[in-house]
N, C-alpha and C. Protein backbone atom coordinates (compact mmCIF):
# COMPACT_ATOMS: atom_id res chain seq x y z
N MET A 1 -4.39 1.40 -21.38
CA MET A 1 -4.21 1.08 -23.00
C MET A 1 -3.59 2.67 -24.13
N ILE A 2 -3.96 3.74 -23.20
CA ILE A 2 -3.61 4.83 -23.70
C ILE A 2 -2.37 5.37 -23.87
N PRO A 3 -1.49 5.33 -22.20
CA PRO A 3 -0.69 6.05 -22.85
C PRO A 3 0.80 5.09 -24.14
N ILE A 4 0.25 3.64 -23.94
CA ILE A 4 0.87 2.68 -24.81
C ILE A 4 0.33 3.33 -26.07
N GLY A 5 -0.89 3.42 -26.57
CA GLY A 5 -1.23 4.05 -28.07
C GLY A 5 -0.97 5.12 -28.29
N LEU A 6 -0.46 6.19 -27.29
CA LEU A 6 0.02 7.51 -27.57
C LEU A 6 1.83 7.15 -28.52
N ILE A 7 1.98 6.64 -27.74
CA ILE A 7 3.62 6.86 -27.46
C ILE A 7 3.97 6.04 -29.13
N SER A 8 3.16 4.67 -29.39
CA SER A 8 3.00 4.19 -30.69
C SER A 8 2.91 4.86 -31.67
N ALA A 9 1.86 5.74 -31.82
CA ALA A 9 1.40 6.94 -32.26
C ALA A 9 2.23 8.06 -32.67
N PHE A 10 2.23 8.47 -31.83
CA PHE A 10 3.51 9.36 -31.67
C PHE A 10 4.72 8.93 -32.30
N THR A 11 5.21 7.77 -32.19
CA THR A 11 6.81 8.15 -32.86
C THR A 11 6.76 7.05 -33.74
N THR A 12 6.60 7.08 -34.52
CA THR A 12 6.27 6.49 -35.60
C THR A 12 6.51 8.43 -36.99
N LEU A 13 7.20 7.95 -37.54
CA LEU A 13 8.42 8.50 -38.39
C LEU A 13 7.34 9.91 -39.22
N PRO A 14 6.52 9.43 -39.93
CA PRO A 14 4.95 10.26 -40.70
C PRO A 14 4.51 11.24 -39.54
N ASN A 15 4.26 10.97 -38.07
CA ASN A 15 3.57 11.18 -36.95
C ASN A 15 4.58 12.33 -36.56
N LEU A 16 6.00 11.81 -36.72
CA LEU A 16 6.66 13.02 -36.02
C LEU A 16 7.18 14.19 -36.98
N ARG A 17 6.98 13.81 -38.22
CA ARG A 17 7.35 14.69 -39.43
C ARG A 17 5.92 15.69 -39.13
N LYS A 18 4.75 15.28 -38.68
CA LYS A 18 3.66 16.03 -39.02
C LYS A 18 3.60 17.62 -37.94
N LEU A 19 3.95 16.64 -36.82
CA LEU A 19 3.65 17.18 -35.33
C LEU A 19 5.18 18.08 -34.84
N LEU A 20 6.06 17.17 -35.60
CA LEU A 20 7.47 18.81 -35.30
C LEU A 20 8.51 18.33 -36.46
N PRO A 21 7.85 19.87 -37.41
CA PRO A 21 8.43 20.68 -38.72
C PRO A 21 9.85 20.37 -38.75
N PHE A 22 10.67 21.15 -37.85
CA PHE A 22 11.52 21.13 -37.58
C PHE A 22 12.49 20.07 -37.90
N LEU A 23 11.79 18.78 -37.69
CA LEU A 23 12.77 17.22 -37.44
C LEU A 23 12.75 16.54 -38.80
N LYS A 24 12.25 17.79 -40.06
CA LYS A 24 12.36 17.30 -41.43
C LYS A 24 13.27 17.48 -42.23
N VAL A 25 14.28 18.51 -41.73
CA VAL A 25 15.43 17.80 -42.18
C VAL A 25 16.31 16.70 -41.68
N ILE A 26 15.99 16.47 -40.73
CA ILE A 26 16.92 14.96 -39.90
C ILE A 26 16.62 14.14 -40.42
N LEU A 27 15.02 13.84 -40.84
CA LEU A 27 14.59 12.76 -40.87
C LEU A 27 14.56 12.89 -42.59
N ASP A 28 14.59 13.23 -43.08
CA ASP A 28 15.36 13.23 -45.02
C ASP A 28 16.36 12.74 -45.31
N GLU A 29 17.15 12.46 -44.06
CA GLU A 29 18.83 11.76 -44.32
C GLU A 29 18.36 10.03 -44.07
N ILE A 30 18.79 9.71 -44.47
CA ILE A 30 18.55 7.91 -45.45
C ILE A 30 18.36 6.99 -43.75
N THR A 31 20.17 7.40 -43.23
CA THR A 31 20.66 6.84 -42.05
C THR A 31 20.09 6.97 -41.24
N ILE A 32 19.68 7.93 -40.80
CA ILE A 32 19.15 8.73 -39.64
C ILE A 32 17.27 7.94 -39.71
N ARG A 33 17.32 8.29 -40.68
CA ARG A 33 15.64 7.99 -40.95
C ARG A 33 15.64 6.16 -41.07
N THR A 34 16.56 5.44 -41.02
CA THR A 34 16.77 4.12 -40.67
C THR A 34 16.67 3.62 -39.10
N VAL A 35 17.81 4.49 -38.67
CA VAL A 35 17.65 3.88 -37.26
C VAL A 35 16.43 4.68 -36.79
N LEU A 36 16.24 5.64 -36.89
CA LEU A 36 15.01 6.24 -36.03
C LEU A 36 13.21 4.74 -36.01
N GLY A 37 13.30 4.86 -37.28
CA GLY A 37 12.17 4.43 -37.64
C GLY A 37 12.03 2.94 -37.61
N ALA A 38 13.89 2.33 -37.16
CA ALA A 38 13.25 0.92 -36.16
C ALA A 38 13.56 0.91 -34.77
N TYR A 39 14.04 1.89 -34.65
CA TYR A 39 14.17 1.53 -32.23
C TYR A 39 13.83 2.60 -31.80
N LEU A 40 13.43 3.96 -32.52
CA LEU A 40 12.42 4.67 -31.64
C LEU A 40 11.16 4.51 -30.73
N PRO A 41 10.51 3.66 -31.53
CA PRO A 41 9.19 3.20 -31.02
C PRO A 41 9.51 2.36 -29.52
N GLN A 42 10.33 1.69 -29.95
CA GLN A 42 10.71 0.81 -29.05
C GLN A 42 11.38 1.47 -27.67
N LEU A 43 11.82 2.36 -28.34
CA LEU A 43 12.88 3.26 -27.31
C LEU A 43 11.95 3.67 -26.03
N ALA A 44 11.20 4.58 -27.26
CA ALA A 44 10.23 5.08 -26.03
C ALA A 44 9.64 4.16 -25.01
N LEU A 45 9.11 2.96 -25.34
CA LEU A 45 8.40 2.33 -24.81
C LEU A 45 9.35 2.04 -23.60
N VAL A 46 10.54 1.48 -23.68
CA VAL A 46 11.45 1.32 -22.79
C VAL A 46 11.14 2.06 -21.71
N VAL A 47 11.75 3.56 -21.85
CA VAL A 47 11.72 4.43 -21.36
C VAL A 47 10.27 4.32 -20.63
N PHE A 48 9.48 4.30 -21.08
CA PHE A 48 8.50 4.82 -20.18
C PHE A 48 7.61 3.51 -19.57
N LEU A 49 8.86 2.40 -19.69
CA LEU A 49 8.10 1.01 -18.56
C LEU A 49 9.08 1.28 -17.75
N ALA A 50 10.50 1.91 -17.98
CA ALA A 50 11.45 1.84 -16.76
C ALA A 50 11.23 2.52 -16.01
N LEU A 51 10.43 3.67 -15.70
CA LEU A 51 9.63 4.85 -15.18
C LEU A 51 8.59 4.10 -14.39
N LEU A 52 7.57 3.64 -15.05
CA LEU A 52 6.31 3.53 -14.74
C LEU A 52 6.40 2.30 -13.43
N PRO A 53 7.23 1.27 -13.05
CA PRO A 53 7.28 0.70 -11.54
C PRO A 53 7.41 1.83 -10.48
N LYS A 54 7.88 2.52 -10.64
CA LYS A 54 8.34 3.67 -9.82
C LYS A 54 6.59 4.13 -9.36
N PHE A 55 6.03 4.58 -10.21
CA PHE A 55 4.64 5.46 -10.18
C PHE A 55 3.97 4.33 -9.32
N LEU A 56 4.04 3.06 -10.20
CA LEU A 56 2.58 1.98 -9.61
C LEU A 56 3.18 1.71 -8.03
N LEU A 57 4.77 1.73 -7.87
CA LEU A 57 5.13 1.57 -6.14
C LEU A 57 4.18 2.49 -5.30
N PHE A 58 4.21 4.34 -5.89
CA PHE A 58 3.56 5.08 -5.07
C PHE A 58 2.19 4.85 -5.36
N LEU A 59 1.90 4.69 -6.37
CA LEU A 59 0.39 4.18 -6.32
C LEU A 59 -0.43 3.33 -5.06
N SER A 60 0.58 2.20 -5.37
CA SER A 60 -0.01 1.22 -4.05
C SER A 60 0.80 1.56 -3.09
N LYS A 61 1.56 2.23 -2.09
CA LYS A 61 1.66 2.76 -0.82
C LYS A 61 0.79 4.06 -1.05
N GLU A 62 -0.03 4.60 -2.04
CA GLU A 62 -1.04 5.95 -1.91
C GLU A 62 -2.32 5.23 -1.19
N GLU A 63 -2.17 3.33 -1.61
CA GLU A 63 -3.41 2.81 -1.05
C GLU A 63 -3.05 2.70 -0.06
N GLY A 64 -2.35 2.95 1.18
CA GLY A 64 -2.85 3.06 2.72
C GLY A 64 -1.84 1.58 2.96
N ILE A 65 -1.52 1.15 1.70
CA ILE A 65 -0.72 -0.59 2.72
C ILE A 65 0.46 -0.48 3.31
N THR A 66 0.96 -0.87 4.39
CA THR A 66 1.78 -0.27 4.84
C THR A 66 3.11 -0.76 5.65
N TYR A 67 2.99 -2.05 5.16
CA TYR A 67 4.32 -3.06 4.33
C TYR A 67 4.76 -2.96 3.05
N GLU A 68 5.75 -2.35 3.26
CA GLU A 68 6.96 -2.14 1.92
C GLU A 68 7.05 -3.11 0.83
N SER A 69 7.15 -4.49 1.56
CA SER A 69 6.66 -5.59 0.77
C SER A 69 5.52 -5.41 0.70
N HIS A 70 4.15 -5.66 0.76
CA HIS A 70 3.26 -5.58 0.25
C HIS A 70 3.06 -4.93 -0.16
N ALA A 71 2.97 -3.55 -0.56
CA ALA A 71 3.73 -2.52 -1.35
C ALA A 71 3.60 -3.26 -2.82
N GLU A 72 5.57 -3.80 -2.47
CA GLU A 72 5.85 -4.08 -4.20
C GLU A 72 5.11 -5.51 -4.38
N ARG A 73 4.45 -6.27 -3.87
CA ARG A 73 3.87 -6.70 -4.65
C ARG A 73 2.65 -6.68 -5.30
N GLY A 74 1.81 -5.59 -5.02
CA GLY A 74 1.02 -4.73 -5.42
C GLY A 74 1.88 -4.18 -6.80
N ALA A 75 2.40 -3.34 -6.37
CA ALA A 75 3.01 -3.07 -7.64
C ALA A 75 3.78 -4.07 -8.83
N SER A 76 4.13 -5.33 -8.37
CA SER A 76 4.40 -5.82 -10.07
C SER A 76 3.34 -6.61 -9.65
N GLY A 77 2.58 -6.68 -9.67
CA GLY A 77 0.96 -7.15 -9.85
C GLY A 77 0.37 -6.26 -10.53
N LYS A 78 0.21 -4.86 -10.89
CA LYS A 78 0.30 -3.98 -11.39
C LYS A 78 0.83 -3.83 -13.15
N TYR A 79 2.14 -3.68 -12.64
CA TYR A 79 3.07 -3.97 -13.72
C TYR A 79 2.72 -4.49 -14.80
N PHE A 80 2.65 -6.50 -14.13
CA PHE A 80 2.49 -7.54 -14.98
C PHE A 80 0.98 -7.39 -15.39
N TYR A 81 -0.08 -7.29 -14.64
CA TYR A 81 -1.04 -6.62 -16.21
C TYR A 81 -1.14 -5.28 -16.68
N PHE A 82 -0.13 -4.17 -16.60
CA PHE A 82 -0.15 -3.49 -17.41
C PHE A 82 1.06 -3.68 -18.31
N LEU A 83 1.94 -4.68 -17.96
CA LEU A 83 2.26 -5.21 -19.34
C LEU A 83 1.29 -6.10 -20.63
N VAL A 84 0.95 -7.12 -20.06
CA VAL A 84 -0.47 -8.32 -20.69
C VAL A 84 -1.18 -6.97 -21.42
N PHE A 85 -2.09 -6.26 -20.61
CA PHE A 85 -3.16 -5.84 -21.21
C PHE A 85 -2.95 -4.75 -22.49
N ASN A 86 -1.93 -3.58 -22.07
CA ASN A 86 -1.21 -2.49 -22.19
C ASN A 86 -0.54 -2.44 -23.64
N VAL A 87 0.84 -3.12 -23.13
CA VAL A 87 1.89 -3.65 -24.27
C VAL A 87 1.56 -4.61 -25.07
N PHE A 88 1.51 -5.61 -24.87
CA PHE A 88 0.78 -6.45 -25.85
C PHE A 88 -0.34 -6.61 -26.69
N ILE A 89 -1.39 -6.63 -25.80
CA ILE A 89 -3.00 -6.23 -26.74
C ILE A 89 -3.22 -4.72 -26.91
N GLY A 90 -2.65 -4.04 -26.23
CA GLY A 90 -2.66 -3.03 -26.84
C GLY A 90 -1.87 -2.56 -28.42
N LEU A 91 -0.83 -2.80 -27.81
CA LEU A 91 0.44 -2.52 -29.16
C LEU A 91 -0.05 -3.65 -30.09
N THR A 92 -0.97 -4.62 -30.02
CA THR A 92 -1.14 -5.60 -31.50
C THR A 92 -2.77 -5.35 -31.76
N LEU A 93 -3.27 -4.52 -30.80
CA LEU A 93 -4.52 -4.30 -31.63
C LEU A 93 -4.61 -2.85 -32.13
N GLY A 94 -4.37 -1.91 -31.03
CA GLY A 94 -4.75 -0.42 -31.06
C GLY A 94 -3.89 -0.26 -31.90
N GLY A 95 -2.24 -0.69 -32.42
CA GLY A 95 -1.92 -0.45 -34.14
C GLY A 95 -2.33 -0.63 -35.28
N THR A 96 -2.51 -1.44 -34.94
CA THR A 96 -3.87 -2.26 -36.47
C THR A 96 -5.41 -1.17 -36.47
N LEU A 97 -5.38 -1.34 -35.35
CA LEU A 97 -6.84 -0.20 -35.85
C LEU A 97 -6.24 1.14 -36.13
N PHE A 98 -5.41 1.83 -35.55
CA PHE A 98 -5.47 2.85 -35.82
C PHE A 98 -4.28 3.31 -37.04
N ASP A 99 -3.76 2.45 -37.51
CA ASP A 99 -3.46 2.31 -38.93
C ASP A 99 -4.24 2.23 -40.56
N SER A 100 -5.70 1.23 -39.95
CA SER A 100 -6.13 1.04 -40.70
C SER A 100 -7.93 1.81 -40.75
N LEU A 101 -7.87 2.88 -39.48
CA LEU A 101 -9.12 3.25 -39.56
C LEU A 101 -9.98 3.49 -40.26
N MET A 102 -9.26 4.17 -41.62
CA MET A 102 -10.59 4.64 -42.06
C MET A 102 -11.40 3.51 -43.19
N ASP A 103 -10.11 1.87 -43.61
CA ASP A 103 -10.60 1.55 -44.03
C ASP A 103 -11.60 0.38 -43.14
N ILE A 104 -11.67 -0.01 -41.91
CA ILE A 104 -12.25 -0.25 -40.91
C ILE A 104 -14.04 1.07 -40.80
N GLU A 105 -13.60 1.67 -41.26
CA GLU A 105 -14.75 3.15 -41.39
C GLU A 105 -15.32 3.11 -42.84
N ASN A 106 -15.22 1.83 -43.67
CA ASN A 106 -15.76 2.19 -44.72
C ASN A 106 -16.25 0.61 -44.46
N HIS A 107 -15.57 -0.38 -44.27
CA HIS A 107 -15.80 -1.45 -44.62
C HIS A 107 -15.79 -2.81 -42.81
N PRO A 108 -16.95 -1.98 -42.17
CA PRO A 108 -16.89 -2.76 -40.69
C PRO A 108 -16.15 -4.06 -40.64
N ASN A 109 -16.72 -4.91 -41.43
CA ASN A 109 -16.61 -6.14 -41.19
C ASN A 109 -15.74 -6.61 -41.71
N SER A 110 -14.70 -5.86 -42.36
CA SER A 110 -13.21 -6.24 -41.92
C SER A 110 -12.55 -6.54 -41.21
N ILE A 111 -12.44 -5.73 -39.97
CA ILE A 111 -11.90 -5.84 -39.08
C ILE A 111 -11.24 -7.44 -38.47
N VAL A 112 -11.65 -8.09 -38.60
CA VAL A 112 -11.07 -9.64 -38.32
C VAL A 112 -9.80 -9.67 -39.41
N ASP A 113 -10.49 -9.34 -40.57
CA ASP A 113 -9.58 -9.91 -41.76
C ASP A 113 -8.42 -8.94 -41.59
N LYS A 114 -8.61 -7.23 -40.97
CA LYS A 114 -7.04 -6.49 -41.26
C LYS A 114 -6.30 -6.76 -39.77
N LEU A 115 -6.99 -7.27 -38.20
CA LEU A 115 -6.19 -8.41 -37.70
C LEU A 115 -5.09 -8.76 -38.03
N ALA A 116 -5.78 -9.79 -38.68
CA ALA A 116 -4.36 -11.24 -39.57
C ALA A 116 -3.61 -11.17 -40.03
N GLN A 117 -4.42 -9.78 -40.73
CA GLN A 117 -3.09 -9.31 -41.85
C GLN A 117 -2.08 -8.82 -41.50
N SER A 118 -2.22 -8.14 -40.10
CA SER A 118 -1.32 -7.15 -39.98
C SER A 118 -0.29 -7.80 -38.26
N LEU A 119 -0.57 -8.93 -37.79
CA LEU A 119 -0.39 -9.22 -36.43
C LEU A 119 1.50 -9.74 -37.06
N PRO A 120 1.58 -10.75 -38.40
CA PRO A 120 2.46 -10.97 -38.48
C PRO A 120 3.23 -9.93 -38.33
N GLY A 121 2.99 -8.33 -38.88
CA GLY A 121 3.80 -7.13 -38.79
C GLY A 121 4.55 -6.91 -37.55
N LYS A 122 3.74 -6.98 -36.61
CA LYS A 122 3.45 -6.34 -35.31
C LYS A 122 5.29 -7.13 -34.41
N ALA A 123 5.70 -8.34 -35.58
CA ALA A 123 6.32 -8.91 -34.32
C ALA A 123 7.13 -8.60 -34.61
N THR A 124 8.23 -8.09 -35.64
CA THR A 124 9.34 -7.45 -36.03
C THR A 124 9.45 -6.36 -34.91
N PHE A 125 8.18 -5.35 -34.10
CA PHE A 125 8.03 -4.28 -33.35
C PHE A 125 8.76 -5.12 -31.75
N PHE A 126 7.63 -6.90 -31.67
CA PHE A 126 8.31 -7.16 -30.38
C PHE A 126 9.87 -7.83 -30.45
N ILE A 127 9.83 -8.24 -31.29
CA ILE A 127 11.57 -8.45 -31.74
C ILE A 127 12.56 -7.87 -31.16
N THR A 128 12.29 -6.89 -31.33
CA THR A 128 13.54 -5.88 -31.35
C THR A 128 13.08 -5.06 -29.96
N PHE A 129 11.85 -5.02 -29.86
CA PHE A 129 11.68 -4.50 -27.86
C PHE A 129 12.56 -5.64 -26.86
N ILE A 130 12.18 -6.80 -27.51
CA ILE A 130 13.17 -7.50 -26.37
C ILE A 130 14.55 -7.40 -26.63
N ALA A 131 15.46 -7.25 -27.86
CA ALA A 131 16.84 -7.33 -27.99
C ALA A 131 16.56 -6.03 -27.22
N LEU A 132 16.69 -4.86 -27.32
CA LEU A 132 16.67 -3.28 -26.47
C LEU A 132 16.34 -3.41 -25.61
N LYS A 133 15.15 -3.97 -25.42
CA LYS A 133 15.33 -4.34 -23.32
C LYS A 133 16.53 -5.24 -23.07
N PHE A 134 16.78 -5.85 -23.75
CA PHE A 134 17.73 -6.99 -22.86
C PHE A 134 19.25 -6.62 -23.52
N PHE A 135 19.62 -5.38 -24.30
CA PHE A 135 21.11 -4.67 -24.31
C PHE A 135 21.32 -3.67 -23.49
N VAL A 136 19.84 -3.04 -23.23
CA VAL A 136 19.90 -1.74 -22.04
C VAL A 136 20.52 -1.97 -20.99
N GLY A 137 19.55 -3.31 -21.18
CA GLY A 137 19.94 -3.93 -19.56
C GLY A 137 18.41 -4.31 -18.63
N TYR A 138 16.90 -3.75 -18.79
CA TYR A 138 15.84 -3.51 -18.43
C TYR A 138 14.67 -5.28 -18.98
N GLY A 139 15.89 -6.12 -19.69
CA GLY A 139 15.03 -7.87 -19.62
C GLY A 139 14.75 -8.42 -18.61
């Protein structure tokens, strides 16, 4: 969950403004801010997920798998589990916990309520992510 959490944490506009102060002039432009806010996290995730199968295939070959088809099958399994656990569960839970860390620290019993309130807000991310993957050609 670490790579996906880092991507989702660093590609939000407030965090970009803090981490890269020279982008402040660009981020103050309303049209650029709207486009970046809507597509930057998903685009960073699509690029990361486009590079990930090559890395997973390399790892499968390093495991000592001799046949190419077995290595690809192993890489496909790793990719599936990465998508389910890191992208879906990681973004849903991690984004919520990261956004409301201070509230959870002050009221630890409110974790379930926070998750229930923020889960519908993550739907926009996933809809944009799927549409972007479709239009880029990685769907």
